């Protein structure tokens, strides 16, 4: 399974002068998109990564490169889509069109992934103009902004206890301007205090603090309206808020609790018998809290990874009479993640049943699945007992 192309390339832009824009570009590498190899007591993955900026004619203007390794002692971390290594770089450019390129090379598999993204700032030549707002959260380190400030896309915000910070920026002339920020959800619309200002610098950056009371809906549209000399410019930013303690993949607690069957103890099953509604939700959260590898954070990474896998098997291993998570394929994938290698039998042979063998080389396990009735209902050749959760 070739995952090396499943990394992310994102960029965040804001003005630094009336003619200059600072771009912070990130390459984010989830652990599960590169190959880990067992070395003594550790799992190690090595890679090269790069970010390149080209102008409209294809001339290279800027390049950053990294050669790095990731080391972990836990096999399950090697399969995580949530754990990741991030690299970033900064560059200053003008109000023109550019192409942002990136490449990730897995040194073990020798496979390569690439991404590209268009950057277009010609619209910023017209005054006034707005840049796309940037959601800022806290993360220890230097990330191209002030120390400890980390930019995010806002597609999955899990911690709103301290509200949110939004960087609003754009280009203006020296006359007074105003900025309205409106928070829109399905149920209501709330307006933040209006910003009124003027500057002779030709640009602005305003950090707006959005309190928790404005962030109670799951899906919110942030509308920003800039007005100067009767000219009005508008940008919108959609964000998603997830309830702390529950994975974004959990849409129905009752179904998600049933999907825990592979990791529940007999005692836990007995305690949950007959529970419904809020009682079942409390038990569901309690069981996952016990399994939280990072209890001091708002995100339960193990829970998130578990339901990412459930979501995957429901998409790829579904059968007409049962969901993907209920199949033997689904069970093994949920517990161990994607196999390192799959061996399939010769489907033209009439002497033996059709089978697949999933190899997990780094944990020295293999699972044989047989389709004895020819309907694609692969069953484990030998029953599997136990889990790694």
Protein backbone atom coordinates (compact mmCIF):
# COMPACT_ATOMS: atom_id res chain seq x y z
CA UNK A 1 0.00 0.00 0.00
CA UNK A 2 1.70 3.17 -1.26
CA UNK A 3 0.99 5.96 1.21
CA UNK A 4 3.97 8.25 0.61
CA UNK A 5 1.82 10.74 -1.33
CA UNK A 6 -0.60 11.21 1.57
CA UNK A 7 1.30 14.00 3.27
CA UNK A 8 0.08 17.61 3.30
CA UNK A 9 1.38 20.84 1.77
CA UNK A 10 -0.27 23.98 3.18
CA UNK A 11 0.59 27.67 3.26
CA UNK A 12 -0.41 30.73 5.25
CA UNK A 13 0.05 34.27 3.92
CA UNK A 14 -0.07 37.78 5.41
CA UNK A 15 1.35 41.18 4.37
CA UNK A 16 4.58 42.58 5.80
CA UNK A 17 4.64 45.83 3.79
CA UNK A 18 2.45 47.55 1.24
CA UNK A 19 4.08 45.50 -1.56
CA UNK A 20 5.32 42.37 0.22
CA UNK A 21 3.64 39.18 1.46
CA UNK A 22 5.16 36.71 3.91
CA UNK A 23 4.28 33.07 3.20
CA UNK A 24 4.80 30.31 5.75
CA UNK A 25 4.66 26.93 3.98
CA UNK A 26 4.33 23.64 5.83
CA UNK A 27 4.90 20.05 4.85
CA UNK A 28 3.21 17.71 7.34
CA UNK A 29 4.13 14.02 7.24
CA UNK A 30 1.74 11.61 9.03
CA UNK A 31 3.58 8.62 10.47
CA UNK A 32 1.50 6.18 8.43
CA UNK A 33 2.62 7.57 5.07
CA UNK A 34 6.25 6.49 5.44
CA UNK A 35 7.82 3.10 6.11
CA UNK A 36 9.08 2.27 9.62
CA UNK A 37 11.73 -0.42 10.08
CA UNK A 38 12.40 -2.30 13.32
CA UNK A 39 15.85 -1.56 14.71
CA UNK A 40 16.55 -3.19 18.06
CA UNK A 41 13.83 -1.82 20.37
CA UNK A 42 12.73 1.03 18.09
CA UNK A 43 10.81 1.63 14.87
CA UNK A 44 12.65 4.07 12.59
CA UNK A 45 11.56 5.88 9.40
CA UNK A 46 13.94 8.01 7.31
CA UNK A 47 13.01 10.48 4.61
CA UNK A 48 13.98 13.52 2.55
CA UNK A 49 11.53 16.40 2.05
CA UNK A 50 11.61 19.65 0.13
CA UNK A 51 9.55 22.78 -0.62
CA UNK A 52 10.20 24.78 -3.79
CA UNK A 53 8.75 28.11 -4.94
CA UNK A 54 8.57 28.94 -8.65
CA UNK A 55 7.39 32.04 -10.44
CA UNK A 56 4.76 32.02 -13.19
CA UNK A 57 7.38 31.11 -15.83
CA UNK A 58 8.66 28.14 -13.81
CA UNK A 59 11.86 29.79 -12.57
CA UNK A 60 12.92 28.55 -9.13
CA UNK A 61 12.92 31.36 -6.58
CA UNK A 62 13.32 29.49 -3.33
CA UNK A 63 14.06 26.01 -1.99
CA UNK A 64 14.15 24.39 1.45
CA UNK A 65 15.23 20.79 2.08
CA UNK A 66 15.15 18.47 5.08
CA UNK A 67 16.65 15.03 5.69
CA UNK A 68 15.29 13.51 8.87
CA UNK A 69 14.26 10.37 10.78
CA UNK A 70 11.37 9.54 13.08
CA UNK A 71 11.92 7.12 15.97
CA UNK A 72 9.18 5.54 18.10
CA UNK A 73 9.00 2.54 20.40
CA UNK A 74 5.29 1.82 19.82
CA UNK A 75 4.21 -0.02 16.69
CA UNK A 76 0.73 1.54 16.74
CA UNK A 77 2.31 4.98 16.40
CA UNK A 78 3.84 3.91 13.08
CA UNK A 79 0.32 3.46 11.70
CA UNK A 80 -1.06 6.74 13.01
CA UNK A 81 -2.53 9.39 10.72
CA UNK A 82 -2.64 11.83 13.62
CA UNK A 83 0.97 11.73 14.74
CA UNK A 84 3.07 13.65 12.28
CA UNK A 85 6.36 15.40 11.65
CA UNK A 86 6.11 19.02 10.50
CA UNK A 87 8.62 21.14 8.60
CA UNK A 88 8.10 24.76 7.65
CA UNK A 89 9.82 27.56 5.79
CA UNK A 90 9.22 31.29 5.27
CA UNK A 91 9.67 33.49 2.22
CA UNK A 92 8.68 37.01 1.18
CA UNK A 93 7.16 37.60 -2.25
CA UNK A 94 5.34 40.25 -4.23
CA UNK A 95 1.75 40.47 -5.46
CA UNK A 96 2.13 38.03 -8.35
CA UNK A 97 1.35 34.41 -9.31
CA UNK A 98 3.51 31.55 -8.04
CA UNK A 99 3.64 27.76 -7.85
CA UNK A 100 4.50 26.00 -4.58
CA UNK A 101 5.95 22.50 -5.04
CA UNK A 102 6.93 19.82 -2.54
CA UNK A 103 8.39 16.34 -2.56
CA UNK A 104 8.67 13.53 0.00
CA UNK A 105 11.11 10.66 -0.53
CA UNK A 106 10.90 7.54 1.65
CA UNK A 107 14.47 6.26 2.04
CA UNK A 108 13.36 2.72 2.93
CA UNK A 109 10.82 2.04 0.17
CA UNK A 110 12.55 4.48 -2.24
CA UNK A 111 9.11 5.75 -3.20
CA UNK A 112 8.36 9.39 -3.82
CA UNK A 113 5.29 11.59 -3.36
CA UNK A 114 4.76 15.13 -4.62
CA UNK A 115 2.32 18.01 -4.18
CA UNK A 116 1.79 21.39 -5.81
CA UNK A 117 -0.27 24.43 -4.95
CA UNK A 118 -0.96 27.67 -6.80
CA UNK A 119 -0.37 30.95 -4.98
CA UNK A 120 -2.05 33.97 -6.56
CA UNK A 121 -1.83 37.44 -5.06
CA UNK A 122 -2.58 39.68 -8.07
CA UNK A 123 -5.98 40.58 -6.56
CA UNK A 124 -4.14 42.22 -3.68
CA UNK A 125 -2.96 44.95 -6.09
CA UNK A 126 -6.43 46.50 -5.86
CA UNK A 127 -6.94 48.60 -2.73
CA UNK A 128 -8.59 47.80 -0.39
CA UNK A 129 -8.15 44.01 -0.33
CA UNK A 130 -8.40 41.17 2.18
CA UNK A 131 -6.15 38.15 2.66
CA UNK A 132 -7.54 34.79 3.78
CA UNK A 133 -7.80 34.81 7.59
CA UNK A 134 -5.47 32.53 9.57
CA UNK A 135 -6.61 30.52 12.59
CA UNK A 136 -3.90 30.58 15.26
CA UNK A 137 -3.57 28.00 18.02
CA UNK A 138 -0.88 27.30 20.62
CA UNK A 139 1.93 24.80 20.05
CA UNK A 140 5.34 24.91 21.65
CA UNK A 141 8.08 25.89 19.23
CA UNK A 142 8.80 28.25 16.35
CA UNK A 143 6.36 27.94 13.45
CA UNK A 144 6.95 31.06 11.35
CA UNK A 145 4.82 33.27 13.57
CA UNK A 146 5.46 34.46 17.12
CA UNK A 147 6.95 31.78 19.44
CA UNK A 148 4.27 29.27 20.43
CA UNK A 149 1.84 30.40 17.70
CA UNK A 150 0.83 27.65 15.28
CA UNK A 151 -1.41 28.26 12.21
CA UNK A 152 -4.14 25.76 11.32
CA UNK A 153 -6.65 25.40 8.51
CA UNK A 154 -9.57 25.18 10.93
CA UNK A 155 -11.07 22.04 9.41
CA UNK A 156 -10.92 20.20 12.70
CA UNK A 157 -10.65 22.28 15.87
CA UNK A 158 -10.68 20.13 19.00
CA UNK A 159 -9.89 22.56 21.81
CA UNK A 160 -11.90 25.77 22.25
CA UNK A 161 -11.54 26.14 26.03
CA UNK A 162 -9.60 29.39 25.54
CA UNK A 163 -11.45 30.42 22.40
CA UNK A 164 -9.67 31.05 19.10
CA UNK A 165 -7.31 33.65 17.69
CA UNK A 166 -7.83 34.76 14.08
CA UNK A 167 -5.28 36.82 12.16
CA UNK A 168 -7.11 39.21 9.80
CA UNK A 169 -4.93 41.02 7.27
CA UNK A 170 -5.11 43.00 4.07
CA UNK A 171 -4.02 46.06 2.12
CA UNK A 172 -5.48 49.58 2.49
CA UNK A 173 -4.66 53.21 1.74
CA UNK A 174 -4.24 55.88 4.44
CA UNK A 175 -7.95 56.67 4.87
CA UNK A 176 -10.00 55.20 7.77
CA UNK A 177 -11.26 51.63 7.41
CA UNK A 178 -13.55 49.31 9.38
CA UNK A 179 -13.66 45.53 9.79
CA UNK A 180 -16.72 43.52 10.81
CA UNK A 181 -16.43 39.88 11.92
CA UNK A 182 -19.63 37.83 11.84
CA UNK A 183 -19.89 34.26 13.21
CA UNK A 184 -22.57 32.30 11.33
CA UNK A 185 -23.97 28.89 12.22
CA UNK A 186 -27.09 26.98 11.26
CA UNK A 187 -28.92 28.31 14.30
CA UNK A 188 -27.76 31.89 14.73
CA UNK A 189 -25.51 34.76 13.72
CA UNK A 190 -23.27 36.74 16.08
CA UNK A 191 -21.23 39.84 15.36
CA UNK A 192 -17.96 40.65 17.12
CA UNK A 193 -17.03 44.23 18.09
CA UNK A 194 -16.20 46.26 15.00
CA UNK A 195 -12.58 47.28 14.32
CA UNK A 196 -12.05 50.91 13.24
CA UNK A 197 -8.57 52.05 12.32
CA UNK A 198 -6.35 53.84 9.84
CA UNK A 199 -2.70 53.42 8.84
CA UNK A 200 -0.16 54.97 6.46
CA UNK A 201 1.76 51.65 6.18
CA UNK A 202 -0.44 50.40 3.34
CA UNK A 203 -1.37 47.14 5.10
CA UNK A 204 -2.76 45.77 8.37
CA UNK A 205 -2.65 42.67 10.59
CA UNK A 206 -5.25 42.40 13.34
CA UNK A 207 -5.37 39.53 15.81
CA UNK A 208 -8.98 38.98 16.86
CA UNK A 209 -9.80 36.89 19.92
CA UNK A 210 -13.00 34.86 19.51
CA UNK A 211 -14.46 33.73 22.83
CA UNK A 212 -15.77 30.25 23.54
CA UNK A 213 -19.35 31.58 23.59
CA UNK A 214 -19.12 32.21 19.82
CA UNK A 215 -17.98 28.64 19.12
CA UNK A 216 -20.79 26.42 20.35
CA UNK A 217 -21.88 25.03 16.96
CA UNK A 218 -20.07 22.22 15.14
CA UNK A 219 -19.89 24.08 11.83
CA UNK A 220 -19.24 27.83 11.75
CA UNK A 221 -18.64 30.32 8.94
CA UNK A 222 -16.47 33.31 9.83
CA UNK A 223 -17.41 36.24 7.59
CA UNK A 224 -15.00 39.19 7.46
CA UNK A 225 -16.10 42.48 5.88
CA UNK A 226 -13.60 45.27 5.15
CA UNK A 227 -14.98 48.73 4.31
CA UNK A 228 -12.91 51.71 3.16
CA UNK A 229 -14.21 54.80 1.30
CA UNK A 230 -17.48 53.00 0.50
CA UNK A 231 -15.61 50.08 -1.04
CA UNK A 232 -16.49 46.73 0.53
CA UNK A 233 -14.41 43.54 0.43
CA UNK A 234 -15.50 40.24 1.95
CA UNK A 235 -13.85 36.87 2.73
CA UNK A 236 -15.28 33.79 4.43
CA UNK A 237 -13.61 31.03 6.44
CA UNK A 238 -15.37 27.77 7.32
CA UNK A 239 -14.28 26.04 10.52
CA UNK A 240 -15.34 22.80 12.21
CA UNK A 241 -15.52 22.44 15.99
CA UNK A 242 -15.33 18.97 17.53
CA UNK A 243 -16.61 18.17 20.99
CA UNK A 244 -13.69 17.48 23.35
CA UNK A 245 -13.36 13.81 24.24
CA UNK A 246 -15.18 12.47 21.18
CA UNK A 247 -13.60 11.68 17.82
CA UNK A 248 -14.90 13.59 14.83
CA UNK A 249 -15.64 10.21 13.24
CA UNK A 250 -18.16 9.37 15.99
CA UNK A 251 -21.54 10.34 14.59
CA UNK A 252 -23.65 7.94 16.66
CA UNK A 253 -22.52 6.81 20.13
CA UNK A 254 -24.54 3.58 20.05
CA UNK A 255 -22.98 2.45 16.75
CA UNK A 256 -19.52 3.57 17.81
CA UNK A 257 -19.84 1.65 21.07
CA UNK A 258 -20.72 -1.54 19.17
CA UNK A 259 -17.61 -0.96 17.05
CA UNK A 260 -15.49 -1.17 20.23
CA UNK A 261 -16.23 -4.91 20.46
CA UNK A 262 -12.66 -5.90 19.53
CA UNK A 263 -11.08 -4.10 22.48
CA UNK A 264 -13.69 -4.34 25.27
CA UNK A 265 -13.14 -6.63 28.25
CA UNK A 266 -15.90 -8.98 29.43
CA UNK A 267 -16.32 -6.81 32.50
CA UNK A 268 -16.80 -3.70 30.37
CA UNK A 269 -19.38 -5.46 28.17
CA UNK A 270 -21.35 -6.57 31.22
CA UNK A 271 -21.30 -3.09 32.75
CA UNK A 272 -22.70 -1.59 29.55
CA UNK A 273 -25.57 -4.06 29.07
CA UNK A 274 -28.93 -2.34 28.81
CA UNK A 275 -27.45 1.17 28.86
CA UNK A 276 -28.84 3.73 26.42
CA UNK A 277 -28.78 7.44 25.68
CA UNK A 278 -26.77 9.59 28.09
CA UNK A 279 -25.87 6.61 30.28
CA UNK A 280 -24.30 4.80 27.33
CA UNK A 281 -22.50 7.99 26.25
CA UNK A 282 -20.98 8.36 29.72
CA UNK A 283 -19.78 4.74 29.68
CA UNK A 284 -18.45 5.19 26.14
CA UNK A 285 -16.42 8.24 27.21
CA UNK A 286 -15.25 6.52 30.40
CA UNK A 287 -13.93 3.47 28.52
CA UNK A 288 -12.05 5.64 26.05
CA UNK A 289 -10.70 7.86 28.81
CA UNK A 290 -9.09 4.78 30.37
CA UNK A 291 -7.35 4.13 27.06
CA UNK A 292 -6.22 7.73 26.44
CA UNK A 293 -2.41 7.72 25.92
CA UNK A 294 -2.27 11.50 26.48
CA UNK A 295 -4.86 12.27 29.21
CA UNK A 296 -3.55 15.81 29.72
CA UNK A 297 -4.62 16.86 26.21
CA UNK A 298 -8.10 17.36 24.75
CA UNK A 299 -7.46 14.86 21.93
CA UNK A 300 -7.57 11.12 22.56
CA UNK A 301 -5.22 10.01 19.80
CA UNK A 302 -5.94 6.31 20.26
CA UNK A 303 -9.69 6.87 19.96
CA UNK A 304 -9.20 9.06 16.91
CA UNK A 305 -6.97 6.48 15.20
CA UNK A 306 -9.37 3.65 16.06
CA UNK A 307 -12.34 5.35 14.39
CA UNK A 308 -10.26 6.49 11.43
CA UNK A 309 -9.63 2.78 10.83
CA UNK A 310 -13.31 1.94 11.37
CA UNK A 311 -14.21 4.60 8.83
CA UNK A 312 -11.68 3.17 6.37
CA UNK A 313 -12.88 -0.46 6.62
CA UNK A 314 -16.52 0.62 6.31
CA UNK A 315 -15.59 2.26 3.02
CA UNK A 316 -13.44 -0.52 1.57
CA UNK A 317 -14.62 -3.80 3.14
CA UNK A 318 -18.39 -3.31 3.27
CA UNK A 319 -20.58 -6.25 2.25
CA UNK A 320 -24.26 -6.25 1.38
CA UNK A 321 -25.18 -8.03 4.60
CA UNK A 322 -22.71 -6.46 7.06
CA UNK A 323 -20.59 -3.37 7.52
CA UNK A 324 -16.85 -3.41 6.93
CA UNK A 325 -15.96 -3.25 10.63
CA UNK A 326 -17.87 -6.51 11.22
CA UNK A 327 -15.81 -8.48 8.68
CA UNK A 328 -12.62 -10.36 9.54
CA UNK A 329 -10.73 -8.04 7.19
CA UNK A 330 -12.15 -5.12 9.15
CA UNK A 331 -11.28 -6.58 12.55
CA UNK A 332 -7.61 -7.15 11.69
CA UNK A 333 -7.26 -3.77 9.97
CA UNK A 334 -8.80 -1.97 12.96
CA UNK A 335 -6.46 -3.73 15.39
CA UNK A 336 -3.23 -3.64 13.40
CA UNK A 337 -3.65 -1.06 10.64
CA UNK A 338 -2.68 -1.65 6.99
CA UNK A 339 -0.55 -4.76 6.34
CA UNK A 340 3.03 -4.43 5.12
CA UNK A 341 2.36 -6.93 2.35
CA UNK A 342 -0.61 -8.81 0.88
CA UNK A 343 -0.31 -12.14 -0.92
CA UNK A 344 -3.29 -13.24 -3.02
CA UNK A 345 -3.95 -16.73 -4.36
CA UNK A 346 -4.39 -17.52 -8.04
CA UNK A 347 -8.10 -16.96 -8.65
CA UNK A 348 -7.96 -19.18 -11.76
CA UNK A 349 -7.07 -22.26 -9.73
CA UNK A 350 -9.98 -24.64 -9.08
CA UNK A 351 -8.11 -26.86 -6.63
CA UNK A 352 -7.96 -24.54 -3.67
CA UNK A 353 -10.16 -21.87 -2.16
CA UNK A 354 -9.34 -18.23 -2.82
CA UNK A 355 -7.27 -16.70 -0.04
CA UNK A 356 -5.31 -13.65 1.05
CA UNK A 357 -2.38 -13.50 3.45
CA UNK A 358 -1.74 -10.24 5.28
CA UNK A 359 1.84 -9.87 6.52
CA UNK A 360 2.81 -7.58 9.38
CA UNK A 361 6.57 -8.03 9.19
CA UNK A 362 7.57 -5.62 11.93
CA UNK A 363 5.50 -7.39 14.58
CA UNK A 364 6.10 -10.84 13.11
CA UNK A 365 2.43 -11.64 12.46
CA UNK A 366 0.53 -12.95 9.48
CA UNK A 367 -3.18 -13.57 8.96
CA UNK A 368 -4.68 -15.94 6.40
CA UNK A 369 -8.17 -15.15 5.05
CA UNK A 370 -10.13 -17.68 2.97
CA UNK A 371 -13.14 -17.11 0.73
CA UNK A 372 -14.62 -20.59 0.74
CA UNK A 373 -18.01 -19.76 -0.76
CA UNK A 374 -16.80 -17.50 -3.59
CA UNK A 375 -18.89 -14.48 -2.51
CA UNK A 376 -15.96 -12.42 -1.21
CA UNK A 377 -16.73 -13.14 2.42
CA UNK A 378 -13.17 -13.75 3.57
CA UNK A 379 -12.86 -15.45 6.95
CA UNK A 380 -9.78 -15.92 9.11
CA UNK A 381 -8.30 -19.36 8.67
CA UNK A 382 -7.69 -19.49 12.42
CA UNK A 383 -9.65 -17.51 15.03
CA UNK A 384 -7.84 -14.48 16.42
CA UNK A 385 -7.97 -13.77 20.15
CA UNK A 386 -6.71 -10.61 21.78
CA UNK A 387 -5.85 -7.07 20.69
CA UNK A 388 -3.03 -4.57 20.94
CA UNK A 389 -5.17 -1.81 22.45
